[in-house]
Amino acid sequence: MSALSAPHFHNEEAAYAYVEARIWPNGPVCPHCGGVDRIGKMGGKSTRIGTYKCYQCRKPFTVKVGTIFESSHVALNIWLQAMYLIAGSKKGISSNQLHRTLGVTLKTAWFMSHRIREAMRSNDPGFFGENGGGVEVDETFIGREPGREVAQGPHHKMKVLALVDRDTGRSRAIVVDNLKPRDLAPIMFHNIAREARLITDEAHHYRAFSLAFEGGHDAVRHGAGEYVRGDVHTNTIEGYFSIFKRGMRGIYQHCAKKHLHRYLAEFDFRYTNRVANGINDAERADRLLAGVVGRRLTYQQAN
């Protein structure tokens, strides 16, 4: 039986119960005052599904308040379908495809996609390469930097720096304005443990970090035709970039720089929570659902 045949994908009341069980595992919590004791479920034909009232602050609320679902007129079961489809599509799913599949307008599908990407942004502050593990670091170029004329080489393109932790299989990608060591340093030291082993190609901007990490710095020399030397390679992170670029070029086709960080969050989320790390589609969708709280995104902010 298909996972999409589950009741919470087709019945809004079941969808509310499903979301409530995961966001409020210990019972309803008022998003207005934080109260948990004097809360009752409101009934009656005129009452919206899943509406509660807090008798401490006297305000009604649903599980959607304070989440990416807040103020949305799209049924919650349709939201869950969209989340499952985006979380389960290795290279992403276009707004046009969501519009056709879910029966919502193209504008709604686009906005839903961005809200879901917002929920995919990692809350994990953990360092990469803890306990001396290897961290592959590399950069890639995509699209066109706003205001730059097309020229030879990658100088007119948007720049992305990415890290992959070999031990945990996590990835983290960041939009950067340039690749000078002084600009990369805050990113490197904020995300990589000092005891880590740094693994890169021979690009000059990584040489500044040769002595920065206790595990050392190994570089593979692509310019000399060297792609693997023992366990020194950047094949893992290049695999990540391959999926990212196939998705961005084949599915999304165009991305403005102001939105790029959300697309990176989407690919990071799926890569970190992939089958190779023991996480199936249903578990991945549940992990995505855990990130909806505190991530409200308005249409004005998305634009």
Protein backbone atom coordinates (compact mmCIF):
# COMPACT_ATOMS: atom_id res chain seq x y z
CA MET A 1 0.00 0.00 0.00
CA SER A 2 1.33 3.45 -0.96
CA ALA A 3 2.36 5.74 1.89
CA LEU A 4 0.25 8.47 0.28
CA SER A 5 -2.89 6.41 0.92
CA ALA A 6 -2.59 7.08 4.68
CA PRO A 7 -5.66 8.88 6.17
CA HIS A 8 -3.78 12.06 7.12
CA PHE A 9 -3.08 12.73 3.43
CA HIS A 10 -6.76 12.65 2.46
CA ASN A 11 -8.76 13.76 5.50
CA GLU A 12 -8.19 17.16 7.12
CA GLU A 13 -9.32 16.06 10.56
CA ALA A 14 -6.90 13.12 10.45
CA ALA A 15 -4.19 15.54 9.26
CA TYR A 16 -4.73 17.78 12.29
CA ALA A 17 -4.54 14.76 14.62
CA TYR A 18 -1.33 13.60 12.90
CA VAL A 19 0.36 17.01 13.15
CA GLU A 20 -0.80 17.59 16.74
CA ALA A 21 0.64 14.23 17.85
CA ARG A 22 4.06 15.27 16.54
CA ILE A 23 4.17 18.94 17.45
CA TRP A 24 2.40 18.51 20.81
CA PRO A 25 3.50 15.04 22.01
CA ASN A 26 2.49 15.94 25.59
CA GLY A 27 -0.76 17.69 24.73
CA PRO A 28 -1.77 21.11 23.37
CA VAL A 29 0.39 24.14 24.14
CA CYS A 30 -1.01 27.66 23.72
CA PRO A 31 1.19 29.51 21.20
CA HIS A 32 0.07 32.84 22.62
CA CYS A 33 0.96 32.48 26.31
CA GLY A 34 2.67 29.07 26.50
CA GLY A 35 -0.04 27.66 28.78
CA VAL A 36 -0.66 23.90 28.92
CA ASP A 37 -3.18 23.44 31.76
CA ARG A 38 -6.43 25.25 31.06
CA ILE A 39 -6.95 24.34 27.42
CA GLY A 40 -10.15 22.96 25.91
CA LYS A 41 -11.14 21.87 22.43
CA MET A 42 -13.81 24.02 20.84
CA GLY A 43 -16.73 22.27 19.18
CA GLY A 44 -19.80 23.10 17.13
CA LYS A 45 -20.53 23.22 13.42
CA SER A 46 -19.20 26.77 13.05
CA THR A 47 -15.85 25.98 14.64
CA ARG A 48 -12.83 25.29 12.46
CA ILE A 49 -11.24 21.86 12.64
CA GLY A 50 -8.61 21.52 15.36
CA THR A 51 -9.51 24.72 17.23
CA TYR A 52 -8.64 24.97 20.92
CA LYS A 53 -9.18 27.74 23.47
CA CYS A 54 -6.74 28.70 26.19
CA TYR A 55 -8.63 29.77 29.31
CA GLN A 56 -5.55 31.52 30.68
CA CYS A 57 -5.17 34.12 27.91
CA ARG A 58 -8.71 33.60 26.51
CA LYS A 59 -7.47 33.18 22.94
CA PRO A 60 -8.37 30.47 20.41
CA PHE A 61 -5.66 28.69 18.43
CA THR A 62 -4.85 25.67 16.29
CA VAL A 63 -1.67 23.67 15.83
CA LYS A 64 -0.99 25.79 12.71
CA VAL A 65 -0.28 28.97 14.71
CA GLY A 66 3.43 29.76 14.83
CA THR A 67 4.27 27.30 12.05
CA ILE A 68 4.74 27.43 8.28
CA PHE A 69 1.00 26.58 8.02
CA GLU A 70 -0.21 29.72 9.80
CA SER A 71 -2.78 31.84 7.90
CA SER A 72 -2.80 29.36 5.01
CA HIS A 73 -6.17 28.56 3.43
CA VAL A 74 -4.81 25.30 2.00
CA ALA A 75 -6.17 22.23 3.78
CA LEU A 76 -3.66 20.67 6.16
CA ASN A 77 -3.84 17.27 4.44
CA ILE A 78 -2.79 18.96 1.18
CA TRP A 79 0.15 20.52 3.03
CA LEU A 80 1.20 17.06 4.22
CA GLN A 81 1.01 15.72 0.67
CA ALA A 82 3.23 18.56 -0.55
CA MET A 83 5.75 17.95 2.23
CA TYR A 84 5.89 14.24 1.47
CA LEU A 85 6.42 14.86 -2.25
CA ILE A 86 9.17 17.45 -1.75
CA ALA A 87 10.93 15.42 0.95
CA GLY A 88 10.80 12.27 -1.19
CA SER A 89 11.92 13.72 -4.54
CA LYS A 90 15.68 13.29 -4.78
CA LYS A 91 16.20 16.24 -7.13
CA GLY A 92 13.18 18.27 -6.01
CA ILE A 93 9.74 18.84 -7.49
CA SER A 94 8.74 21.95 -9.41
CA SER A 95 5.95 24.33 -8.47
CA ASN A 96 4.29 23.48 -11.78
CA GLN A 97 4.26 19.79 -10.85
CA LEU A 98 2.88 20.51 -7.36
CA HIS A 99 0.24 22.76 -8.91
CA ARG A 100 -0.93 19.93 -11.19
CA THR A 101 -0.66 17.17 -8.60
CA LEU A 102 -2.28 18.94 -5.65
CA GLY A 103 -4.87 20.98 -7.53
CA VAL A 104 -3.75 24.32 -6.09
CA THR A 105 -2.85 27.44 -8.08
CA LEU A 106 0.70 27.87 -9.37
CA LYS A 107 1.22 30.88 -7.09
CA THR A 108 0.06 28.83 -4.08
CA ALA A 109 2.30 25.90 -5.03
CA TRP A 110 5.31 28.24 -5.33
CA PHE A 111 4.64 29.81 -1.93
CA MET A 112 4.03 26.41 -0.27
CA SER A 113 7.36 25.17 -1.65
CA HIS A 114 9.25 28.08 -0.14
CA ARG A 115 7.56 27.65 3.23
CA ILE A 116 8.45 23.96 3.20
CA ARG A 117 12.08 24.79 2.35
CA GLU A 118 12.07 27.16 5.31
CA ALA A 119 11.10 24.19 7.53
CA MET A 120 13.98 22.21 6.02
CA ARG A 121 16.57 24.67 7.32
CA SER A 122 18.69 22.90 9.91
CA ASN A 123 18.44 23.72 13.59
CA ASP A 124 21.46 21.52 14.27
CA PRO A 125 24.33 23.67 15.56
CA GLY A 126 26.67 20.70 15.79
CA PHE A 127 30.17 20.84 14.39
CA PHE A 128 31.30 18.69 11.48
CA GLY A 129 34.31 16.42 12.02
CA GLU A 130 33.96 15.94 15.76
CA ASN A 131 36.28 13.28 17.19
CA GLY A 132 38.76 13.92 14.39
CA GLY A 133 36.50 12.85 11.52
CA GLY A 134 37.09 13.90 7.93
CA VAL A 135 35.23 16.89 6.48
CA GLU A 136 35.23 17.44 2.72
CA VAL A 137 34.94 21.10 1.68
CA ASP A 138 34.46 22.37 -1.85
CA GLU A 139 32.80 25.16 -3.77
CA THR A 140 30.59 25.28 -6.84
CA PHE A 141 29.16 27.97 -9.10
CA ILE A 142 25.61 28.24 -10.39
CA GLY A 143 23.36 30.68 -12.19
CA ARG A 144 24.34 34.31 -12.51
CA GLU A 145 25.30 36.81 -9.83
CA PRO A 146 22.88 39.79 -9.95
CA GLY A 147 24.44 42.79 -11.66
CA ARG A 148 27.40 40.91 -13.14
CA GLU A 149 28.11 40.68 -16.85
CA VAL A 150 28.57 37.22 -18.32
CA ALA A 151 32.28 36.50 -18.70
CA GLN A 152 34.63 33.60 -19.18
CA GLY A 153 35.04 31.41 -16.13
CA PRO A 154 32.85 31.36 -13.03
CA HIS A 155 33.31 34.96 -11.87
CA HIS A 156 29.80 36.06 -12.89
CA LYS A 157 28.12 33.09 -11.20
CA MET A 158 26.66 32.69 -7.71
CA LYS A 159 29.03 30.92 -5.32
CA VAL A 160 28.19 28.08 -2.93
CA LEU A 161 30.52 26.62 -0.29
CA ALA A 162 29.56 23.17 0.96
CA LEU A 163 30.78 20.78 3.67
CA VAL A 164 30.17 17.05 4.00
CA ASP A 165 30.94 15.14 7.19
CA ARG A 166 32.24 11.72 6.15
CA ASP A 167 31.36 10.07 9.47
CA THR A 168 27.77 11.28 9.88
CA GLY A 169 26.86 11.79 6.22
CA ARG A 170 25.58 15.32 6.91
CA SER A 171 25.92 18.17 4.45
CA ARG A 172 25.75 21.92 4.94
CA ALA A 173 25.88 24.43 2.07
CA ILE A 174 26.17 28.21 2.36
CA VAL A 175 25.83 31.01 -0.20
CA VAL A 176 29.03 33.10 -0.22
CA ASP A 177 29.87 36.37 -1.94
CA ASN A 178 33.50 35.47 -2.61
CA LEU A 179 36.04 32.78 -1.83
CA LYS A 180 38.76 34.78 -0.12
CA PRO A 181 40.16 33.11 3.02
CA ARG A 182 39.10 36.01 5.26
CA ASP A 183 35.49 35.53 4.14
CA LEU A 184 35.58 31.73 4.42
CA ALA A 185 37.19 31.71 7.88
CA PRO A 186 34.03 32.52 9.90
CA ILE A 187 32.11 29.80 8.04
CA MET A 188 34.85 27.20 8.46
CA PHE A 189 35.37 27.83 12.18
CA HIS A 190 31.64 28.09 12.92
CA ASN A 191 30.86 24.72 11.29
CA ILE A 192 33.97 22.54 11.56
CA ALA A 193 35.36 21.20 14.85
CA ARG A 194 38.97 22.14 15.55
CA GLU A 195 39.91 18.45 15.91
CA ALA A 196 38.57 17.68 12.41
CA ARG A 197 40.58 16.58 9.40
CA LEU A 198 40.07 18.93 6.45
CA ILE A 199 39.92 17.42 2.95
CA THR A 200 39.78 19.70 -0.11
CA ASP A 201 41.12 20.12 -3.61
CA GLU A 202 44.21 22.23 -4.25
CA ALA A 203 42.39 25.60 -4.54
CA HIS A 204 44.52 28.35 -3.03
CA HIS A 205 41.81 29.67 -0.70
CA TYR A 206 41.96 26.45 1.35
CA ARG A 207 45.71 26.68 1.94
CA ALA A 208 45.13 29.33 4.60
CA PHE A 209 43.49 26.62 6.74
CA SER A 210 46.32 24.07 6.47
CA LEU A 211 47.27 24.47 10.13
CA ALA A 212 43.87 25.46 11.49
CA PHE A 213 42.57 21.97 12.26
CA GLU A 214 44.19 19.40 14.50
CA GLY A 215 43.44 16.52 12.13
CA GLY A 216 45.47 18.19 9.42
CA HIS A 217 44.66 19.24 5.89
CA ASP A 218 44.86 16.89 2.90
CA ALA A 219 44.33 18.13 -0.64
CA VAL A 220 43.85 16.21 -3.86
CA ARG A 221 45.45 17.79 -6.95
CA HIS A 222 42.84 17.84 -9.68
CA GLY A 223 45.01 20.12 -11.85
CA ALA A 224 47.65 17.38 -12.00
CA GLY A 225 45.09 14.71 -12.91
CA GLU A 226 44.97 13.29 -9.39
CA TYR A 227 41.47 12.47 -8.11
CA VAL A 228 42.13 9.89 -5.39
CA ARG A 229 45.15 9.34 -3.17
CA GLY A 230 44.35 6.70 -0.58
CA ASP A 231 41.34 8.14 1.25
CA VAL A 232 42.12 11.67 0.10
CA HIS A 233 39.44 12.75 -2.39
CA THR A 234 36.48 15.07 -2.76
CA ASN A 235 34.25 12.52 -4.48
CA THR A 236 31.65 12.60 -1.68
CA ILE A 237 31.04 16.33 -1.90
CA GLU A 238 31.13 16.25 -5.68
CA GLY A 239 28.36 13.65 -5.51
CA TYR A 240 26.36 16.11 -3.41
CA PHE A 241 26.95 18.88 -5.95
CA SER A 242 25.93 16.54 -8.77
CA ILE A 243 22.49 15.98 -7.21
CA PHE A 244 22.16 19.69 -6.41
CA LYS A 245 22.98 20.83 -9.93
CA ARG A 246 20.79 18.22 -11.62
CA GLY A 247 17.93 19.44 -9.46
CA MET A 248 18.58 23.15 -9.97
CA ARG A 249 19.07 22.86 -13.74
CA GLY A 250 16.66 20.07 -14.56
CA ILE A 251 13.79 20.72 -12.12
CA TYR A 252 13.96 24.33 -10.95
CA GLN A 253 15.88 25.75 -13.95
CA HIS A 254 16.20 29.25 -12.46
CA CYS A 255 16.83 30.58 -8.95
CA ALA A 256 17.26 34.16 -7.78
CA LYS A 257 20.13 34.68 -5.34
CA LYS A 258 17.73 35.83 -2.58
CA HIS A 259 16.11 32.38 -2.67
CA LEU A 260 19.25 30.25 -3.11
CA HIS A 261 19.76 29.65 0.64
CA ARG A 262 16.34 27.96 0.83
CA TYR A 263 17.06 25.68 -2.13
CA LEU A 264 20.36 24.73 -0.48
CA ALA A 265 18.44 23.94 2.72
CA GLU A 266 16.19 21.64 0.71
CA PHE A 267 19.08 19.68 -0.81
CA ASP A 268 20.94 19.59 2.52
CA PHE A 269 17.86 18.21 4.26
CA ARG A 270 17.32 15.41 1.77
CA TYR A 271 21.03 14.55 1.59
CA THR A 272 21.45 14.44 5.37
CA ASN A 273 18.23 12.44 5.78
CA ARG A 274 18.74 10.03 2.88
CA VAL A 275 18.23 6.27 2.70
CA ALA A 276 22.00 5.68 2.93
CA ASN A 277 21.80 7.20 6.43
CA GLY A 278 18.96 4.82 7.36
CA ILE A 279 16.06 7.23 6.85
CA ASN A 280 13.15 6.27 4.60
CA ASP A 281 10.60 8.55 2.94
CA ALA A 282 8.07 8.43 5.79
CA GLU A 283 10.72 9.16 8.45
CA ARG A 284 12.11 11.97 6.32
CA ALA A 285 8.67 13.57 6.05
CA ASP A 286 8.23 13.31 9.84
CA ARG A 287 11.63 14.98 10.38
CA LEU A 288 10.50 17.74 8.06
CA LEU A 289 7.30 18.14 10.07
CA ALA A 290 9.39 18.61 13.21
CA GLY A 291 10.91 21.73 11.64
CA VAL A 292 7.70 23.65 10.93
CA VAL A 293 7.46 25.36 14.34
CA GLY A 294 8.78 28.92 14.52
CA ARG A 295 9.39 29.05 10.79
CA ARG A 296 6.48 31.13 9.56
CA LEU A 297 7.23 32.78 6.22
CA THR A 298 4.95 35.47 4.80
CA TYR A 299 4.45 36.06 1.08
CA GLN A 300 6.15 39.45 1.38
CA GLN A 301 9.20 37.83 3.00
CA ALA A 302 9.35 35.14 0.31
CA ASN A 303 9.32 37.71 -2.43
